[in-house]
Amino acid sequence: MNQLQLVASIAERDVMRYTPAGIPIVSARLAHGSEQIEAGVPRQVEFEITAIAAGEISGRFNQAELGATFRFTGFLARKNRNSKSLVFHVTDFEAYTPDH
């Protein structure tokens, strides 16, 4: 199974573009920061990941507030056929509020 769920903010976002088939795509950089437990020890985790939203979700993704925190759902795939770099393909997202 290849499913990723990530709480992150939209750090940067490119202008919407269209594939040759006319499918809208928006690329972005998502920023994540959290504390995770590894081998019983707390660990600070911070990273940025390249993400894209294609098709119907791209319009909503394009309008989402920069810097706001969302829960993103999607999958990982190579940037292109010959690349070893991964890109997070966002299939859905929602506003995130911590359960405190």
N, C-alpha and C. Protein backbone atom coordinates (compact mmCIF):
# COMPACT_ATOMS: atom_id res chain seq x y z
N MET A 1 0.84 -1.18 0.00
CA MET A 1 0.00 0.00 0.00
C MET A 1 0.89 1.24 0.00
N ASN A 2 0.52 2.22 -0.74
CA ASN A 2 1.26 3.48 -0.84
C ASN A 2 0.28 4.60 -0.50
N GLN A 3 0.16 4.90 0.78
CA GLN A 3 -0.71 5.98 1.23
C GLN A 3 0.02 6.77 2.29
N LEU A 4 0.02 8.08 2.15
CA LEU A 4 0.71 8.95 3.08
C LEU A 4 -0.28 9.97 3.62
N GLN A 5 -0.24 10.16 4.93
CA GLN A 5 -1.03 11.21 5.56
C GLN A 5 -0.04 12.07 6.33
N LEU A 6 -0.09 13.37 6.12
CA LEU A 6 0.91 14.27 6.67
C LEU A 6 0.26 15.58 7.10
N VAL A 7 0.59 16.02 8.31
CA VAL A 7 0.17 17.34 8.76
C VAL A 7 1.32 18.29 8.44
N ALA A 8 1.01 19.31 7.65
CA ALA A 8 2.06 20.23 7.19
C ALA A 8 1.42 21.55 6.79
N SER A 9 2.29 22.53 6.56
CA SER A 9 1.81 23.82 6.04
C SER A 9 2.35 24.00 4.63
N ILE A 10 1.67 24.82 3.85
CA ILE A 10 2.12 25.11 2.49
C ILE A 10 3.14 26.24 2.58
N ALA A 11 4.41 25.89 2.37
CA ALA A 11 5.49 26.87 2.50
C ALA A 11 5.64 27.72 1.24
N GLU A 12 5.52 27.08 0.08
CA GLU A 12 5.61 27.76 -1.22
C GLU A 12 4.65 27.08 -2.17
N ARG A 13 4.17 27.85 -3.15
CA ARG A 13 3.27 27.24 -4.14
C ARG A 13 3.52 27.90 -5.49
N ASP A 14 3.60 27.09 -6.53
CA ASP A 14 3.78 27.59 -7.88
C ASP A 14 2.44 27.97 -8.49
N VAL A 15 2.50 28.65 -9.61
CA VAL A 15 1.30 29.02 -10.35
C VAL A 15 0.71 27.76 -11.00
N MET A 16 -0.61 27.69 -11.02
CA MET A 16 -1.26 26.54 -11.65
C MET A 16 -0.85 26.44 -13.11
N ARG A 17 -0.56 25.21 -13.54
CA ARG A 17 -0.23 24.96 -14.94
C ARG A 17 -1.12 23.83 -15.44
N TYR A 18 -1.00 23.53 -16.70
CA TYR A 18 -1.84 22.49 -17.30
C TYR A 18 -0.99 21.51 -18.08
N THR A 19 -1.31 20.22 -17.97
CA THR A 19 -0.61 19.20 -18.74
C THR A 19 -1.04 19.33 -20.19
N PRO A 20 -0.31 18.67 -21.12
CA PRO A 20 -0.75 18.68 -22.53
C PRO A 20 -2.17 18.15 -22.70
N ALA A 21 -2.63 17.30 -21.77
CA ALA A 21 -4.00 16.78 -21.84
C ALA A 21 -5.02 17.74 -21.22
N GLY A 22 -4.54 18.89 -20.70
CA GLY A 22 -5.44 19.89 -20.14
C GLY A 22 -5.76 19.70 -18.67
N ILE A 23 -5.02 18.84 -17.98
CA ILE A 23 -5.26 18.60 -16.55
C ILE A 23 -4.53 19.66 -15.73
N PRO A 24 -5.25 20.37 -14.85
CA PRO A 24 -4.59 21.39 -14.02
C PRO A 24 -3.71 20.75 -12.95
N ILE A 25 -2.53 21.34 -12.73
CA ILE A 25 -1.58 20.85 -11.73
C ILE A 25 -1.00 22.04 -10.97
N VAL A 26 -0.90 21.89 -9.65
CA VAL A 26 -0.24 22.89 -8.81
C VAL A 26 0.85 22.18 -8.02
N SER A 27 2.07 22.72 -8.10
CA SER A 27 3.20 22.20 -7.34
C SER A 27 3.42 23.08 -6.12
N ALA A 28 3.95 22.48 -5.05
CA ALA A 28 4.18 23.24 -3.82
C ALA A 28 5.28 22.57 -3.00
N ARG A 29 5.75 23.29 -1.98
CA ARG A 29 6.63 22.74 -0.96
C ARG A 29 5.84 22.74 0.33
N LEU A 30 5.72 21.57 0.96
CA LEU A 30 5.04 21.45 2.24
C LEU A 30 6.10 21.37 3.33
N ALA A 31 5.86 22.07 4.44
CA ALA A 31 6.78 22.07 5.58
C ALA A 31 6.12 21.36 6.76
N HIS A 32 6.87 20.41 7.34
CA HIS A 32 6.37 19.63 8.48
C HIS A 32 7.33 19.76 9.65
N GLY A 33 6.77 19.82 10.85
CA GLY A 33 7.56 19.80 12.06
C GLY A 33 6.78 19.10 13.15
N SER A 34 7.42 18.14 13.84
CA SER A 34 6.74 17.42 14.91
C SER A 34 7.76 16.75 15.81
N GLU A 35 7.24 16.20 16.91
CA GLU A 35 8.07 15.36 17.77
C GLU A 35 7.57 13.93 17.63
N GLN A 36 8.47 13.02 17.31
CA GLN A 36 8.15 11.62 17.15
C GLN A 36 8.93 10.81 18.19
N ILE A 37 8.40 9.67 18.53
CA ILE A 37 9.10 8.77 19.46
C ILE A 37 9.77 7.68 18.63
N GLU A 38 11.08 7.55 18.80
CA GLU A 38 11.85 6.53 18.10
C GLU A 38 12.70 5.78 19.12
N ALA A 39 12.54 4.48 19.20
CA ALA A 39 13.26 3.64 20.17
C ALA A 39 13.07 4.17 21.59
N GLY A 40 11.86 4.66 21.87
CA GLY A 40 11.53 5.14 23.20
C GLY A 40 12.05 6.53 23.53
N VAL A 41 12.66 7.20 22.56
CA VAL A 41 13.26 8.51 22.79
C VAL A 41 12.58 9.55 21.89
N PRO A 42 12.20 10.72 22.46
CA PRO A 42 11.60 11.77 21.62
C PRO A 42 12.62 12.31 20.61
N ARG A 43 12.13 12.58 19.41
CA ARG A 43 13.00 13.09 18.36
C ARG A 43 12.27 14.20 17.62
N GLN A 44 12.93 15.35 17.46
CA GLN A 44 12.36 16.46 16.68
C GLN A 44 12.53 16.14 15.20
N VAL A 45 11.45 16.25 14.44
CA VAL A 45 11.49 15.98 13.01
C VAL A 45 11.01 17.22 12.27
N GLU A 46 11.83 17.70 11.35
CA GLU A 46 11.47 18.84 10.50
C GLU A 46 11.95 18.54 9.09
N PHE A 47 11.07 18.78 8.11
CA PHE A 47 11.47 18.61 6.72
C PHE A 47 10.51 19.34 5.80
N GLU A 48 10.94 19.50 4.56
CA GLU A 48 10.07 19.99 3.50
C GLU A 48 9.99 18.91 2.44
N ILE A 49 8.85 18.81 1.80
CA ILE A 49 8.65 17.82 0.75
C ILE A 49 7.94 18.48 -0.43
N THR A 50 8.35 18.10 -1.63
CA THR A 50 7.68 18.58 -2.83
C THR A 50 6.35 17.85 -2.98
N ALA A 51 5.32 18.62 -3.29
CA ALA A 51 3.98 18.04 -3.45
C ALA A 51 3.34 18.58 -4.71
N ILE A 52 2.43 17.78 -5.29
CA ILE A 52 1.62 18.26 -6.40
C ILE A 52 0.18 17.86 -6.17
N ALA A 53 -0.72 18.68 -6.69
CA ALA A 53 -2.15 18.38 -6.67
C ALA A 53 -2.62 18.50 -8.12
N ALA A 54 -3.25 17.45 -8.62
CA ALA A 54 -3.69 17.42 -10.02
C ALA A 54 -5.19 17.19 -10.10
N GLY A 55 -5.77 17.70 -11.16
CA GLY A 55 -7.20 17.47 -11.39
C GLY A 55 -8.07 18.33 -10.51
N GLU A 56 -9.19 17.77 -10.06
CA GLU A 56 -10.20 18.52 -9.30
C GLU A 56 -9.64 19.16 -8.04
N ILE A 57 -8.76 18.47 -7.33
CA ILE A 57 -8.24 18.97 -6.05
C ILE A 57 -7.32 20.18 -6.25
N SER A 58 -6.78 20.36 -7.45
CA SER A 58 -5.80 21.43 -7.69
C SER A 58 -6.38 22.83 -7.47
N GLY A 59 -7.65 23.03 -7.81
CA GLY A 59 -8.26 24.35 -7.62
C GLY A 59 -8.35 24.72 -6.15
N ARG A 60 -8.77 23.78 -5.32
CA ARG A 60 -8.86 24.02 -3.88
C ARG A 60 -7.46 24.19 -3.28
N PHE A 61 -6.53 23.38 -3.73
CA PHE A 61 -5.14 23.46 -3.27
C PHE A 61 -4.54 24.82 -3.63
N ASN A 62 -4.86 25.30 -4.82
CA ASN A 62 -4.35 26.58 -5.31
C ASN A 62 -4.88 27.74 -4.47
N GLN A 63 -6.08 27.60 -3.89
CA GLN A 63 -6.69 28.66 -3.09
C GLN A 63 -6.38 28.56 -1.60
N ALA A 64 -5.78 27.45 -1.17
CA ALA A 64 -5.49 27.24 0.26
C ALA A 64 -4.50 28.29 0.76
N GLU A 65 -4.69 28.69 1.99
CA GLU A 65 -3.88 29.75 2.58
C GLU A 65 -2.44 29.30 2.80
N LEU A 66 -1.49 30.09 2.27
CA LEU A 66 -0.07 29.80 2.50
C LEU A 66 0.22 29.92 3.99
N GLY A 67 0.99 28.99 4.52
CA GLY A 67 1.36 29.03 5.93
C GLY A 67 0.36 28.37 6.86
N ALA A 68 -0.86 28.12 6.39
CA ALA A 68 -1.86 27.45 7.22
C ALA A 68 -1.54 25.96 7.30
N THR A 69 -2.00 25.32 8.37
CA THR A 69 -1.72 23.91 8.58
C THR A 69 -2.90 23.05 8.12
N PHE A 70 -2.57 22.01 7.37
CA PHE A 70 -3.57 21.10 6.81
C PHE A 70 -3.15 19.66 7.05
N ARG A 71 -4.12 18.75 6.99
CA ARG A 71 -3.84 17.32 6.98
C ARG A 71 -3.98 16.87 5.53
N PHE A 72 -2.85 16.49 4.93
CA PHE A 72 -2.81 16.07 3.54
C PHE A 72 -2.84 14.56 3.44
N THR A 73 -3.55 14.05 2.45
CA THR A 73 -3.60 12.62 2.15
C THR A 73 -3.20 12.43 0.70
N GLY A 74 -2.45 11.38 0.43
CA GLY A 74 -2.04 11.11 -0.94
C GLY A 74 -1.09 9.94 -1.01
N PHE A 75 -0.21 9.97 -1.99
CA PHE A 75 0.74 8.88 -2.20
C PHE A 75 2.06 9.43 -2.70
N LEU A 76 3.11 8.61 -2.63
CA LEU A 76 4.43 8.99 -3.11
C LEU A 76 4.69 8.34 -4.46
N ALA A 77 5.34 9.09 -5.34
CA ALA A 77 5.74 8.57 -6.65
C ALA A 77 7.01 9.27 -7.09
N ARG A 78 7.72 8.67 -8.02
CA ARG A 78 8.91 9.31 -8.57
C ARG A 78 8.54 10.62 -9.26
N LYS A 79 9.48 11.55 -9.23
CA LYS A 79 9.26 12.84 -9.89
C LYS A 79 9.00 12.62 -11.38
N ASN A 80 9.77 11.73 -11.97
CA ASN A 80 9.53 11.28 -13.34
C ASN A 80 10.10 9.88 -13.48
N ARG A 81 9.91 9.27 -14.62
CA ARG A 81 10.28 7.87 -14.80
C ARG A 81 11.75 7.58 -14.49
N ASN A 82 12.64 8.52 -14.81
CA ASN A 82 14.08 8.28 -14.63
C ASN A 82 14.64 8.86 -13.33
N SER A 83 13.81 9.42 -12.50
CA SER A 83 14.25 10.08 -11.28
C SER A 83 14.17 9.15 -10.08
N LYS A 84 15.07 9.38 -9.11
CA LYS A 84 14.99 8.67 -7.84
C LYS A 84 14.31 9.54 -6.78
N SER A 85 14.10 10.83 -7.11
CA SER A 85 13.44 11.75 -6.18
C SER A 85 11.95 11.44 -6.09
N LEU A 86 11.40 11.59 -4.87
CA LEU A 86 9.98 11.33 -4.65
C LEU A 86 9.19 12.62 -4.56
N VAL A 87 7.94 12.56 -4.98
CA VAL A 87 7.00 13.68 -4.89
C VAL A 87 5.73 13.16 -4.22
N PHE A 88 5.18 13.97 -3.32
CA PHE A 88 3.94 13.65 -2.63
C PHE A 88 2.78 14.12 -3.51
N HIS A 89 1.98 13.18 -4.00
CA HIS A 89 0.81 13.50 -4.82
C HIS A 89 -0.39 13.63 -3.89
N VAL A 90 -0.88 14.85 -3.71
CA VAL A 90 -1.99 15.13 -2.79
C VAL A 90 -3.30 14.76 -3.47
N THR A 91 -4.07 13.91 -2.80
CA THR A 91 -5.38 13.53 -3.34
C THR A 91 -6.53 14.16 -2.54
N ASP A 92 -6.22 14.63 -1.32
CA ASP A 92 -7.22 15.30 -0.50
C ASP A 92 -6.51 16.04 0.62
N PHE A 93 -7.16 17.04 1.17
CA PHE A 93 -6.62 17.74 2.34
C PHE A 93 -7.75 18.46 3.05
N GLU A 94 -7.50 18.73 4.35
CA GLU A 94 -8.49 19.43 5.17
C GLU A 94 -7.75 20.28 6.19
N ALA A 95 -8.42 21.31 6.68
CA ALA A 95 -7.84 22.14 7.72
C ALA A 95 -7.51 21.28 8.93
N TYR A 96 -6.42 21.61 9.60
CA TYR A 96 -5.98 20.82 10.74
C TYR A 96 -5.98 21.67 12.00
N THR A 97 -6.60 21.13 13.04
CA THR A 97 -6.52 21.76 14.36
C THR A 97 -6.10 20.67 15.35
N PRO A 98 -5.05 20.90 16.11
CA PRO A 98 -4.57 19.89 17.06
C PRO A 98 -5.67 19.51 18.06
N ASP A 99 -5.68 18.25 18.46
CA ASP A 99 -6.68 17.75 19.41
C ASP A 99 -6.22 17.98 20.85
N HIS A 100 -6.15 19.23 21.24
CA HIS A 100 -5.72 19.54 22.61
C HIS A 100 -6.89 19.96 23.45
